[in-house]
Amino acid sequence: MKTWHPVLPEDQLAPNQWHITTIGNRSIGIYRSPHRLYAILNLCPHNGAEICRGRVTGRMLFSHEKGVHYSEETLTLRCPWHHWEFDLDSGKPVISMPGKLKHYPVKVEDGQICVEV
């Protein structure tokens, strides 16, 4: 059965910062972007690195309207070990490779960031 777990007060996680916590036997990283919260299993699907210790950046994109451009809104999480990159919203790898980030539902309730596990 899934349960919501309070992790930390919302005001203790600044934008563009991680908070890594343990819920049960899972290490979970909570990331606050300027626009939303993410809860990610702290495990790279490639080789088991603590993925939430990696860097979050924007990404180079191509569109017919803009050509090649840098998007600060398209967030990418880069593994600290082998630099595999994953789209933070979908969890999918940026280039074709196996694996996907595991996301958990996250919300703010009564000033607490909560994760459903």
PDB file of N, CA and C in Angstrom:
ATOM      1  N   MET A   1       0.836  -1.176   0.000  1.00  0.00           N
ATOM      2  CA  MET A   1       0.000   0.000   0.000  1.00  0.00           C
ATOM      3  C   MET A   1       0.889   1.250   0.000  1.00  0.00           C
ATOM      4  N   LYS A   2       0.562   2.193  -0.851  1.00  0.00           N
ATOM      5  CA  LYS A   2       1.318   3.443  -0.925  1.00  0.00           C
ATOM      6  C   LYS A   2       0.868   4.389   0.180  1.00  0.00           C
ATOM      7  N   THR A   3       1.837   5.133   0.720  1.00  0.00           N
ATOM      8  CA  THR A   3       1.579   6.066   1.813  1.00  0.00           C
ATOM      9  C   THR A   3       2.354   7.356   1.561  1.00  0.00           C
ATOM     10  N   TRP A   4       1.764   8.488   1.939  1.00  0.00           N
ATOM     11  CA  TRP A   4       2.458   9.766   1.854  1.00  0.00           C
ATOM     12  C   TRP A   4       3.364   9.927   3.070  1.00  0.00           C
ATOM     13  N   HIS A   5       4.613  10.332   2.829  1.00  0.00           N
ATOM     14  CA  HIS A   5       5.611  10.512   3.887  1.00  0.00           C
ATOM     15  C   HIS A   5       6.078  11.965   3.892  1.00  0.00           C
ATOM     16  N   PRO A   6       5.907  12.687   5.016  1.00  0.00           N
ATOM     17  CA  PRO A   6       6.482  14.036   5.094  1.00  0.00           C
ATOM     18  C   PRO A   6       8.004  13.934   5.118  1.00  0.00           C
ATOM     19  N   VAL A   7       8.669  14.768   4.329  1.00  0.00           N
ATOM     20  CA  VAL A   7      10.119  14.688   4.192  1.00  0.00           C
ATOM     21  C   VAL A   7      10.815  15.867   4.861  1.00  0.00           C
ATOM     22  N   LEU A   8      10.383  17.087   4.536  1.00  0.00           N
ATOM     23  CA  LEU A   8      10.971  18.277   5.155  1.00  0.00           C
ATOM     24  C   LEU A   8      10.069  19.469   4.913  1.00  0.00           C
ATOM     25  N   PRO A   9      10.220  20.518   5.732  1.00  0.00           N
ATOM     26  CA  PRO A   9       9.429  21.719   5.504  1.00  0.00           C
ATOM     27  C   PRO A   9       9.759  22.329   4.145  1.00  0.00           C
ATOM     28  N   GLU A  10       8.734  22.794   3.464  1.00  0.00           N
ATOM     29  CA  GLU A  10       8.891  23.343   2.120  1.00  0.00           C
ATOM     30  C   GLU A  10       9.915  24.479   2.083  1.00  0.00           C
ATOM     31  N   ASP A  11       9.944  25.314   3.115  1.00  0.00           N
ATOM     32  CA  ASP A  11      10.851  26.467   3.099  1.00  0.00           C
ATOM     33  C   ASP A  11      12.319  26.086   3.329  1.00  0.00           C
ATOM     34  N   GLN A  12      12.602  24.811   3.558  1.00  0.00           N
ATOM     35  CA  GLN A  12      13.989  24.378   3.755  1.00  0.00           C
ATOM     36  C   GLN A  12      14.631  23.840   2.472  1.00  0.00           C
ATOM     37  N   LEU A  13      13.913  23.897   1.367  1.00  0.00           N
ATOM     38  CA  LEU A  13      14.471  23.448   0.090  1.00  0.00           C
ATOM     39  C   LEU A  13      14.393  24.598  -0.909  1.00  0.00           C
ATOM     40  N   ALA A  14      15.545  25.199  -1.177  1.00  0.00           N
ATOM     41  CA  ALA A  14      15.621  26.341  -2.088  1.00  0.00           C
ATOM     42  C   ALA A  14      15.509  25.873  -3.535  1.00  0.00           C
ATOM     43  N   PRO A  15      15.136  26.764  -4.444  1.00  0.00           N
ATOM     44  CA  PRO A  15      15.122  26.405  -5.872  1.00  0.00           C
ATOM     45  C   PRO A  15      16.499  25.941  -6.336  1.00  0.00           C
ATOM     46  N   ASN A  16      16.485  24.966  -7.249  1.00  0.00           N
ATOM     47  CA  ASN A  16      17.700  24.386  -7.834  1.00  0.00           C
ATOM     48  C   ASN A  16      18.553  23.642  -6.811  1.00  0.00           C
ATOM     49  N   GLN A  17      17.912  23.082  -5.795  1.00  0.00           N
ATOM     50  CA  GLN A  17      18.615  22.323  -4.760  1.00  0.00           C
ATOM     51  C   GLN A  17      18.010  20.929  -4.617  1.00  0.00           C
ATOM     52  N   TRP A  18      18.842  19.999  -4.131  1.00  0.00           N
ATOM     53  CA  TRP A  18      18.423  18.627  -3.821  1.00  0.00           C
ATOM     54  C   TRP A  18      18.336  18.443  -2.314  1.00  0.00           C
ATOM     55  N   HIS A  19      17.448  17.564  -1.901  1.00  0.00           N
ATOM     56  CA  HIS A  19      17.427  17.017  -0.546  1.00  0.00           C
ATOM     57  C   HIS A  19      17.306  15.505  -0.719  1.00  0.00           C
ATOM     58  N   ILE A  20      18.245  14.765  -0.162  1.00  0.00           N
ATOM     59  CA  ILE A  20      18.211  13.303  -0.278  1.00  0.00           C
ATOM     60  C   ILE A  20      17.778  12.734   1.063  1.00  0.00           C
ATOM     61  N   THR A  21      16.795  11.839   1.011  1.00  0.00           N
ATOM     62  CA  THR A  21      16.227  11.247   2.213  1.00  0.00           C
ATOM     63  C   THR A  21      16.084   9.742   2.015  1.00  0.00           C
ATOM     64  N   THR A  22      15.832   9.041   3.096  1.00  0.00           N
ATOM     65  CA  THR A  22      15.560   7.604   3.016  1.00  0.00           C
ATOM     66  C   THR A  22      14.141   7.356   3.501  1.00  0.00           C
ATOM     67  N   ILE A  23      13.369   6.648   2.682  1.00  0.00           N
ATOM     68  CA  ILE A  23      12.015   6.240   3.062  1.00  0.00           C
ATOM     69  C   ILE A  23      11.981   4.732   2.918  1.00  0.00           C
ATOM     70  N   GLY A  24      11.782   4.040   4.030  1.00  0.00           N
ATOM     71  CA  GLY A  24      11.885   2.579   4.020  1.00  0.00           C
ATOM     72  C   GLY A  24      13.315   2.218   3.678  1.00  0.00           C
ATOM     73  N   ASN A  25      13.502   1.452   2.625  1.00  0.00           N
ATOM     74  CA  ASN A  25      14.862   1.098   2.200  1.00  0.00           C
ATOM     75  C   ASN A  25      15.252   1.833   0.912  1.00  0.00           C
ATOM     76  N   ARG A  26      14.522   2.894   0.570  1.00  0.00           N
ATOM     77  CA  ARG A  26      14.784   3.635  -0.673  1.00  0.00           C
ATOM     78  C   ARG A  26      15.436   4.985  -0.383  1.00  0.00           C
ATOM     79  N   SER A  27      16.510   5.269  -1.104  1.00  0.00           N
ATOM     80  CA  SER A  27      17.096   6.603  -1.096  1.00  0.00           C
ATOM     81  C   SER A  27      16.378   7.390  -2.185  1.00  0.00           C
ATOM     82  N   ILE A  28      15.790   8.516  -1.796  1.00  0.00           N
ATOM     83  CA  ILE A  28      14.994   9.322  -2.718  1.00  0.00           C
ATOM     84  C   ILE A  28      15.495  10.760  -2.672  1.00  0.00           C
ATOM     85  N   GLY A  29      15.711  11.325  -3.858  1.00  0.00           N
ATOM     86  CA  GLY A  29      16.111  12.721  -3.959  1.00  0.00           C
ATOM     87  C   GLY A  29      14.912  13.585  -4.299  1.00  0.00           C
ATOM     88  N   ILE A  30      14.768  14.680  -3.555  1.00  0.00           N
ATOM     89  CA  ILE A  30      13.724  15.665  -3.824  1.00  0.00           C
ATOM     90  C   ILE A  30      14.441  16.862  -4.448  1.00  0.00           C
ATOM     91  N   TYR A  31      13.999  17.275  -5.626  1.00  0.00           N
ATOM     92  CA  TYR A  31      14.601  18.414  -6.315  1.00  0.00           C
ATOM     93  C   TYR A  31      13.552  19.483  -6.518  1.00  0.00           C
ATOM     94  N   ARG A  32      13.921  20.736  -6.193  1.00  0.00           N
ATOM     95  CA  ARG A  32      13.013  21.863  -6.429  1.00  0.00           C
ATOM     96  C   ARG A  32      13.572  22.679  -7.596  1.00  0.00           C
ATOM     97  N   SER A  33      12.868  22.624  -8.710  1.00  0.00           N
ATOM     98  CA  SER A  33      13.206  23.503  -9.834  1.00  0.00           C
ATOM     99  C   SER A  33      12.487  24.830  -9.570  1.00  0.00           C
ATOM    100  N   PRO A  34      12.730  25.848 -10.369  1.00  0.00           N
ATOM    101  CA  PRO A  34      11.975  27.082 -10.184  1.00  0.00           C
ATOM    102  C   PRO A  34      10.467  26.908 -10.415  1.00  0.00           C
ATOM    103  N   HIS A  35      10.065  25.772 -11.060  1.00  0.00           N
ATOM    104  CA  HIS A  35       8.660  25.609 -11.434  1.00  0.00           C
ATOM    105  C   HIS A  35       7.931  24.466 -10.741  1.00  0.00           C
ATOM    106  N   ARG A  36       8.674  23.475 -10.221  1.00  0.00           N
ATOM    107  CA  ARG A  36       7.990  22.338  -9.604  1.00  0.00           C
ATOM    108  C   ARG A  36       8.945  21.506  -8.763  1.00  0.00           C
ATOM    109  N   LEU A  37       8.361  20.519  -8.063  1.00  0.00           N
ATOM    110  CA  LEU A  37       9.130  19.563  -7.263  1.00  0.00           C
ATOM    111  C   LEU A  37       9.203  18.227  -7.985  1.00  0.00           C
ATOM    112  N   TYR A  38      10.315  17.524  -7.789  1.00  0.00           N
ATOM    113  CA  TYR A  38      10.506  16.179  -8.327  1.00  0.00           C
ATOM    114  C   TYR A  38      10.932  15.275  -7.184  1.00  0.00           C
ATOM    115  N   ALA A  39      10.506  14.025  -7.206  1.00  0.00           N
ATOM    116  CA  ALA A  39      10.990  12.997  -6.281  1.00  0.00           C
ATOM    117  C   ALA A  39      11.483  11.839  -7.143  1.00  0.00           C
ATOM    118  N   ILE A  40      12.779  11.517  -7.011  1.00  0.00           N
ATOM    119  CA  ILE A  40      13.440  10.554  -7.898  1.00  0.00           C
ATOM    120  C   ILE A  40      14.141   9.503  -7.044  1.00  0.00           C
ATOM    121  N   LEU A  41      14.009   8.232  -7.423  1.00  0.00           N
ATOM    122  CA  LEU A  41      14.805   7.186  -6.787  1.00  0.00           C
ATOM    123  C   LEU A  41      16.273   7.514  -7.036  1.00  0.00           C
ATOM    124  N   ASN A  42      17.068   7.557  -5.989  1.00  0.00           N
ATOM    125  CA  ASN A  42      18.465   7.987  -6.068  1.00  0.00           C
ATOM    126  C   ASN A  42      19.350   6.837  -6.564  1.00  0.00           C
ATOM    127  N   LEU A  43      19.049   6.364  -7.759  1.00  0.00           N
ATOM    128  CA  LEU A  43      19.751   5.211  -8.321  1.00  0.00           C
ATOM    129  C   LEU A  43      19.779   5.341  -9.838  1.00  0.00           C
ATOM    130  N   CYS A  44      20.966   5.461 -10.404  1.00  0.00           N
ATOM    131  CA  CYS A  44      21.079   5.536 -11.858  1.00  0.00           C
ATOM    132  C   CYS A  44      20.756   4.168 -12.454  1.00  0.00           C
ATOM    133  N   PRO A  45      19.857   4.093 -13.435  1.00  0.00           N
ATOM    134  CA  PRO A  45      19.517   2.797 -14.016  1.00  0.00           C
ATOM    135  C   PRO A  45      20.670   2.166 -14.795  1.00  0.00           C
ATOM    136  N   HIS A  46      21.698   2.925 -15.104  1.00  0.00           N
ATOM    137  CA  HIS A  46      22.833   2.393 -15.856  1.00  0.00           C
ATOM    138  C   HIS A  46      23.745   1.540 -14.978  1.00  0.00           C
ATOM    139  N   ASN A  47      24.231   2.114 -13.857  1.00  0.00           N
ATOM    140  CA  ASN A  47      25.222   1.372 -13.080  1.00  0.00           C
ATOM    141  C   ASN A  47      25.118   1.616 -11.579  1.00  0.00           C
ATOM    142  N   GLY A  48      23.962   2.101 -11.104  1.00  0.00           N
ATOM    143  CA  GLY A  48      23.707   2.182  -9.673  1.00  0.00           C
ATOM    144  C   GLY A  48      24.264   3.387  -8.948  1.00  0.00           C
ATOM    145  N   ALA A  49      24.743   4.399  -9.638  1.00  0.00           N
ATOM    146  CA  ALA A  49      25.265   5.600  -8.976  1.00  0.00           C
ATOM    147  C   ALA A  49      24.153   6.326  -8.235  1.00  0.00           C
ATOM    148  N   GLU A  50      24.539   7.140  -7.256  1.00  0.00           N
ATOM    149  CA  GLU A  50      23.587   8.027  -6.595  1.00  0.00           C
ATOM    150  C   GLU A  50      23.291   9.172  -7.561  1.00  0.00           C
ATOM    151  N   ILE A  51      22.302   8.973  -8.400  1.00  0.00           N
ATOM    152  CA  ILE A  51      22.000   9.895  -9.492  1.00  0.00           C
ATOM    153  C   ILE A  51      21.673  11.297  -9.004  1.00  0.00           C
ATOM    154  N   CYS A  52      21.086  11.409  -7.820  1.00  0.00           N
ATOM    155  CA  CYS A  52      20.693  12.721  -7.304  1.00  0.00           C
ATOM    156  C   CYS A  52      21.893  13.546  -6.832  1.00  0.00           C
ATOM    157  N   ARG A  53      23.079  12.986  -6.884  1.00  0.00           N
ATOM    158  CA  ARG A  53      24.303  13.747  -6.621  1.00  0.00           C
ATOM    159  C   ARG A  53      24.832  14.356  -7.916  1.00  0.00           C
ATOM    160  N   GLY A  54      24.132  14.069  -9.016  1.00  0.00           N
ATOM    161  CA  GLY A  54      24.511  14.610 -10.315  1.00  0.00           C
ATOM    162  C   GLY A  54      24.025  16.033 -10.490  1.00  0.00           C
ATOM    163  N   ARG A  55      24.359  16.593 -11.609  1.00  0.00           N
ATOM    164  CA  ARG A  55      24.057  17.988 -11.916  1.00  0.00           C
ATOM    165  C   ARG A  55      22.779  18.096 -12.740  1.00  0.00           C
ATOM    166  N   VAL A  56      21.966  19.098 -12.422  1.00  0.00           N
ATOM    167  CA  VAL A  56      20.765  19.406 -13.201  1.00  0.00           C
ATOM    168  C   VAL A  56      21.063  20.652 -14.038  1.00  0.00           C
ATOM    169  N   THR A  57      20.831  20.545 -15.336  1.00  0.00           N
ATOM    170  CA  THR A  57      21.076  21.664 -16.250  1.00  0.00           C
ATOM    171  C   THR A  57      19.920  21.765 -17.233  1.00  0.00           C
ATOM    172  N   GLY A  58      19.956  22.802 -18.059  1.00  0.00           N
ATOM    173  CA  GLY A  58      19.060  22.889 -19.201  1.00  0.00           C
ATOM    174  C   GLY A  58      19.627  21.993 -20.301  1.00  0.00           C
ATOM    175  N   ARG A  59      19.106  22.140 -21.506  1.00  0.00           N
ATOM    176  CA  ARG A  59      19.568  21.259 -22.591  1.00  0.00           C
ATOM    177  C   ARG A  59      19.474  21.970 -23.938  1.00  0.00           C
ATOM    178  N   MET A  60      20.379  21.611 -24.827  1.00  0.00           N
ATOM    179  CA  MET A  60      20.321  22.094 -26.203  1.00  0.00           C
ATOM    180  C   MET A  60      19.187  21.346 -26.917  1.00  0.00           C
ATOM    181  N   LEU A  61      18.360  22.100 -27.624  1.00  0.00           N
ATOM    182  CA  LEU A  61      17.231  21.534 -28.358  1.00  0.00           C
ATOM    183  C   LEU A  61      17.238  22.066 -29.789  1.00  0.00           C
ATOM    184  N   PHE A  62      16.472  21.410 -30.634  1.00  0.00           N
ATOM    185  CA  PHE A  62      16.284  21.892 -31.999  1.00  0.00           C
ATOM    186  C   PHE A  62      14.797  22.005 -32.276  1.00  0.00           C
ATOM    187  N   SER A  63      14.416  23.107 -32.886  1.00  0.00           N
ATOM    188  CA  SER A  63      13.059  23.245 -33.417  1.00  0.00           C
ATOM    189  C   SER A  63      13.171  24.000 -34.734  1.00  0.00           C
ATOM    190  N   HIS A  64      12.196  23.798 -35.605  1.00  0.00           N
ATOM    191  CA  HIS A  64      12.210  24.479 -36.897  1.00  0.00           C
ATOM    192  C   HIS A  64      12.037  25.993 -36.719  1.00  0.00           C
ATOM    193  N   GLU A  65      11.326  26.401 -35.670  1.00  0.00           N
ATOM    194  CA  GLU A  65      11.092  27.823 -35.425  1.00  0.00           C
ATOM    195  C   GLU A  65      12.346  28.523 -34.896  1.00  0.00           C
ATOM    196  N   LYS A  66      13.051  27.884 -33.947  1.00  0.00           N
ATOM    197  CA  LYS A  66      14.195  28.520 -33.276  1.00  0.00           C
ATOM    198  C   LYS A  66      15.547  27.983 -33.717  1.00  0.00           C
ATOM    199  N   GLY A  67      15.561  26.877 -34.446  1.00  0.00           N
ATOM    200  CA  GLY A  67      16.834  26.235 -34.766  1.00  0.00           C
ATOM    201  C   GLY A  67      17.405  25.587 -33.511  1.00  0.00           C
ATOM    202  N   VAL A  68      18.712  25.534 -33.409  1.00  0.00           N
ATOM    203  CA  VAL A  68      19.356  24.978 -32.221  1.00  0.00           C
ATOM    204  C   VAL A  68      19.373  26.065 -31.152  1.00  0.00           C
ATOM    205  N   HIS A  69      18.878  25.727 -29.967  1.00  0.00           N
ATOM    206  CA  HIS A  69      18.817  26.714 -28.883  1.00  0.00           C
ATOM    207  C   HIS A  69      18.924  26.017 -27.528  1.00  0.00           C
ATOM    208  N   TYR A  70      19.330  26.776 -26.534  1.00  0.00           N
ATOM    209  CA  TYR A  70      19.453  26.261 -25.170  1.00  0.00           C
ATOM    210  C   TYR A  70      18.152  26.534 -24.432  1.00  0.00           C
ATOM    211  N   SER A  71      17.608  25.507 -23.800  1.00  0.00           N
ATOM    212  CA  SER A  71      16.372  25.640 -23.042  1.00  0.00           C
ATOM    213  C   SER A  71      16.663  25.440 -21.555  1.00  0.00           C
ATOM    214  N   GLU A  72      16.425  26.458 -20.753  1.00  0.00           N
ATOM    215  CA  GLU A  72      16.577  26.334 -19.300  1.00  0.00           C
ATOM    216  C   GLU A  72      15.398  25.599 -18.678  1.00  0.00           C
ATOM    217  N   GLU A  73      14.291  25.479 -19.402  1.00  0.00           N
ATOM    218  CA  GLU A  73      13.093  24.817 -18.879  1.00  0.00           C
ATOM    219  C   GLU A  73      13.116  23.311 -19.096  1.00  0.00           C
ATOM    220  N   THR A  74      13.891  22.825 -20.058  1.00  0.00           N
ATOM    221  CA  THR A  74      13.996  21.393 -20.327  1.00  0.00           C
ATOM    222  C   THR A  74      15.130  20.851 -19.477  1.00  0.00           C
ATOM    223  N   LEU A  75      14.795  20.365 -18.281  1.00  0.00           N
ATOM    224  CA  LEU A  75      15.816  19.991 -17.306  1.00  0.00           C
ATOM    225  C   LEU A  75      16.378  18.598 -17.567  1.00  0.00           C
ATOM    226  N   THR A  76      17.689  18.498 -17.414  1.00  0.00           N
ATOM    227  CA  THR A  76      18.428  17.260 -17.629  1.00  0.00           C
ATOM    228  C   THR A  76      19.209  16.941 -16.370  1.00  0.00           C
ATOM    229  N   LEU A  77      19.110  15.697 -15.906  1.00  0.00           N
ATOM    230  CA  LEU A  77      19.897  15.219 -14.765  1.00  0.00           C
ATOM    231  C   LEU A  77      21.032  14.360 -15.298  1.00  0.00           C
ATOM    232  N   ARG A  78      22.268  14.741 -14.974  1.00  0.00           N
ATOM    233  CA  ARG A  78      23.458  14.034 -15.463  1.00  0.00           C
ATOM    234  C   ARG A  78      24.035  13.186 -14.332  1.00  0.00           C
ATOM    235  N   CYS A  79      24.210  11.896 -14.601  1.00  0.00           N
ATOM    236  CA  CYS A  79      24.772  10.972 -13.628  1.00  0.00           C
ATOM    237  C   CYS A  79      26.198  11.406 -13.269  1.00  0.00           C
ATOM    238  N   PRO A  80      26.536  11.397 -11.976  1.00  0.00           N
ATOM    239  CA  PRO A  80      27.880  11.832 -11.580  1.00  0.00           C
ATOM    240  C   PRO A  80      28.983  10.843 -11.956  1.00  0.00           C
ATOM    241  N   TRP A  81      28.654   9.597 -12.257  1.00  0.00           N
ATOM    242  CA  TRP A  81      29.683   8.608 -12.582  1.00  0.00           C
ATOM    243  C   TRP A  81      30.043   8.601 -14.056  1.00  0.00           C
ATOM    244  N   HIS A  82      29.082   8.324 -14.916  1.00  0.00           N
ATOM    245  CA  HIS A  82      29.370   8.126 -16.338  1.00  0.00           C
ATOM    246  C   HIS A  82      28.722   9.178 -17.231  1.00  0.00           C
ATOM    247  N   HIS A  83      28.096  10.168 -16.613  1.00  0.00           N
ATOM    248  CA  HIS A  83      27.516  11.315 -17.315  1.00  0.00           C
ATOM    249  C   HIS A  83      26.355  10.960 -18.249  1.00  0.00           C
ATOM    250  N   TRP A  84      25.694   9.824 -17.984  1.00  0.00           N
ATOM    251  CA  TRP A  84      24.463   9.550 -18.726  1.00  0.00           C
ATOM    252  C   TRP A  84      23.473  10.640 -18.341  1.00  0.00           C
ATOM    253  N   GLU A  85      22.663  11.073 -19.304  1.00  0.00           N
ATOM    254  CA  GLU A  85      21.731  12.169 -19.072  1.00  0.00           C
ATOM    255  C   GLU A  85      20.288  11.691 -19.214  1.00  0.00           C
ATOM    256  N   PHE A  86      19.445  12.213 -18.316  1.00  0.00           N
ATOM    257  CA  PHE A  86      18.032  11.840 -18.278  1.00  0.00           C
ATOM    258  C   PHE A  86      17.183  13.103 -18.241  1.00  0.00           C
ATOM    259  N   ASP A  87      16.087  13.081 -18.987  1.00  0.00           N
ATOM    260  CA  ASP A  87      15.115  14.161 -18.934  1.00  0.00           C
ATOM    261  C   ASP A  87      14.441  14.105 -17.566  1.00  0.00           C
ATOM    262  N   LEU A  88      14.507  15.199 -16.810  1.00  0.00           N
ATOM    263  CA  LEU A  88      13.988  15.180 -15.443  1.00  0.00           C
ATOM    264  C   LEU A  88      12.470  15.015 -15.407  1.00  0.00           C
ATOM    265  N   ASP A  89      11.762  15.550 -16.397  1.00  0.00           N
ATOM    266  CA  ASP A  89      10.298  15.430 -16.400  1.00  0.00           C
ATOM    267  C   ASP A  89       9.822  14.018 -16.703  1.00  0.00           C
ATOM    268  N   SER A  90      10.374  13.403 -17.742  1.00  0.00           N
ATOM    269  CA  SER A  90       9.889  12.086 -18.165  1.00  0.00           C
ATOM    270  C   SER A  90      10.681  10.933 -17.550  1.00  0.00           C
ATOM    271  N   GLY A  91      11.914  11.207 -17.121  1.00  0.00           N
ATOM    272  CA  GLY A  91      12.785  10.145 -16.616  1.00  0.00           C
ATOM    273  C   GLY A  91      13.506   9.386 -17.716  1.00  0.00           C
ATOM    274  N   LYS A  92      13.171   9.666 -18.967  1.00  0.00           N
ATOM    275  CA  LYS A  92      13.767   8.940 -20.091  1.00  0.00           C
ATOM    276  C   LYS A  92      15.186   9.438 -20.361  1.00  0.00           C
ATOM    277  N   PRO A  93      16.051   8.535 -20.852  1.00  0.00           N
ATOM    278  CA  PRO A  93      17.396   8.971 -21.227  1.00  0.00           C
ATOM    279  C   PRO A  93      17.337   9.960 -22.389  1.00  0.00           C
ATOM    280  N   VAL A  94      18.296  10.881 -22.407  1.00  0.00           N
ATOM    281  CA  VAL A  94      18.339  11.889 -23.462  1.00  0.00           C
ATOM    282  C   VAL A  94      18.682  11.254 -24.803  1.00  0.00           C
ATOM    283  N   ILE A  95      19.607  10.295 -24.807  1.00  0.00           N
ATOM    284  CA  ILE A  95      19.904   9.550 -26.031  1.00  0.00           C
ATOM    285  C   ILE A  95      19.427   8.119 -25.827  1.00  0.00           C
ATOM    286  N   SER A  96      19.289   7.386 -26.884  1.00  0.00           N
ATOM    287  CA  SER A  96      18.746   6.032 -26.814  1.00  0.00           C
ATOM    288  C   SER A  96      19.661   5.106 -26.020  1.00  0.00           C
ATOM    289  N   MET A  97      19.190   4.694 -24.862  1.00  0.00           N
ATOM    290  CA  MET A  97      19.885   3.732 -24.018  1.00  0.00           C
ATOM    291  C   MET A  97      18.852   3.116 -23.084  1.00  0.00           C
ATOM    292  N   PRO A  98      19.165   1.987 -22.508  1.00  0.00           N
ATOM    293  CA  PRO A  98      18.184   1.336 -21.629  1.00  0.00           C
ATOM    294  C   PRO A  98      18.039   2.069 -20.305  1.00  0.00           C
ATOM    295  N   GLY A  99      16.917   1.858 -19.661  1.00  0.00           N
ATOM    296  CA  GLY A  99      16.684   2.395 -18.327  1.00  0.00           C
ATOM    297  C   GLY A  99      15.919   3.696 -18.339  1.00  0.00           C
ATOM    298  N   LYS A 100      15.385   4.028 -17.181  1.00  0.00           N
ATOM    299  CA  LYS A 100      14.579   5.225 -16.997  1.00  0.00           C
ATOM    300  C   LYS A 100      14.613   5.562 -15.512  1.00  0.00           C
ATOM    301  N   LEU A 101      14.585   6.844 -15.178  1.00  0.00           N
ATOM    302  CA  LEU A 101      14.531   7.256 -13.780  1.00  0.00           C
ATOM    303  C   LEU A 101      13.177   6.884 -13.182  1.00  0.00           C
ATOM    304  N   LYS A 102      13.194   6.485 -11.933  1.00  0.00           N
ATOM    305  CA  LYS A 102      11.953   6.170 -11.213  1.00  0.00           C
ATOM    306  C   LYS A 102      11.497   7.426 -10.476  1.00  0.00           C
ATOM    307  N   HIS A 103      10.305   7.919 -10.839  1.00  0.00           N
ATOM    308  CA  HIS A 103       9.700   9.077 -10.181  1.00  0.00           C
ATOM    309  C   HIS A 103       8.710   8.624  -9.116  1.00  0.00           C
ATOM    310  N   TYR A 104       8.538   9.457  -8.094  1.00  0.00           N
ATOM    311  CA  TYR A 104       7.497   9.252  -7.085  1.00  0.00           C
ATOM    312  C   TYR A 104       6.609  10.491  -7.045  1.00  0.00           C
ATOM    313  N   PRO A 105       5.327  10.312  -6.738  1.00  0.00           N
ATOM    314  CA  PRO A 105       4.467  11.481  -6.558  1.00  0.00           C
ATOM    315  C   PRO A 105       4.982  12.328  -5.395  1.00  0.00           C
ATOM    316  N   VAL A 106       4.931  13.642  -5.564  1.00  0.00           N
ATOM    317  CA  VAL A 106       5.396  14.579  -4.531  1.00  0.00           C
ATOM    318  C   VAL A 106       4.404  15.727  -4.454  1.00  0.00           C
ATOM    319  N   LYS A 107       4.160  16.208  -3.243  1.00  0.00           N
ATOM    320  CA  LYS A 107       3.233  17.329  -3.046  1.00  0.00           C
ATOM    321  C   LYS A 107       3.655  18.102  -1.806  1.00  0.00           C
ATOM    322  N   VAL A 108       3.078  19.289  -1.668  1.00  0.00           N
ATOM    323  CA  VAL A 108       3.256  20.079  -0.456  1.00  0.00           C
ATOM    324  C   VAL A 108       1.919  20.089   0.270  1.00  0.00           C
ATOM    325  N   GLU A 109       1.970  19.703   1.546  1.00  0.00           N
ATOM    326  CA  GLU A 109       0.756  19.665   2.358  1.00  0.00           C
ATOM    327  C   GLU A 109       1.082  20.235   3.736  1.00  0.00           C
ATOM    328  N   ASP A 110       0.333  21.240   4.142  1.00  0.00           N
ATOM    329  CA  ASP A 110       0.553  21.909   5.427  1.00  0.00           C
ATOM    330  C   ASP A 110       2.007  22.342   5.593  1.00  0.00           C
ATOM    331  N   GLY A 111       2.605  22.857   4.514  1.00  0.00           N
ATOM    332  CA  GLY A 111       3.968  23.364   4.567  1.00  0.00           C
ATOM    333  C   GLY A 111       5.052  22.324   4.543  1.00  0.00           C
ATOM    334  N   GLN A 112       4.682  21.030   4.388  1.00  0.00           N
ATOM    335  CA  GLN A 112       5.650  19.938   4.345  1.00  0.00           C
ATOM    336  C   GLN A 112       5.709  19.358   2.933  1.00  0.00           C
ATOM    337  N   ILE A 113       6.929  19.088   2.458  1.00  0.00           N
ATOM    338  CA  ILE A 113       7.088  18.350   1.205  1.00  0.00           C
ATOM    339  C   ILE A 113       6.874  16.872   1.542  1.00  0.00           C
ATOM    340  N   CYS A 114       5.961  16.230   0.832  1.00  0.00           N
ATOM    341  CA  CYS A 114       5.599  14.834   1.085  1.00  0.00           C
ATOM    342  C   CYS A 114       5.808  14.004  -0.187  1.00  0.00           C
ATOM    343  N   VAL A 115       6.255  12.765   0.008  1.00  0.00           N
ATOM    344  CA  VAL A 115       6.479  11.843  -1.095  1.00  0.00           C
ATOM    345  C   VAL A 115       5.627  10.601  -0.878  1.00  0.00           C
ATOM    346  N   GLU A 116       4.998  10.101  -1.953  1.00  0.00           N
ATOM    347  CA  GLU A 116       4.191   8.889  -1.865  1.00  0.00           C
ATOM    348  C   GLU A 116       5.030   7.678  -2.266  1.00  0.00           C
ATOM    349  N   VAL A 117       5.196   6.764  -1.318  1.00  0.00           N
ATOM    350  CA  VAL A 117       5.948   5.514  -1.569  1.00  0.00           C
ATOM    351  C   VAL A 117       5.095   4.357  -1.121  1.00  0.00           C
TER     352      VAL A 117
END
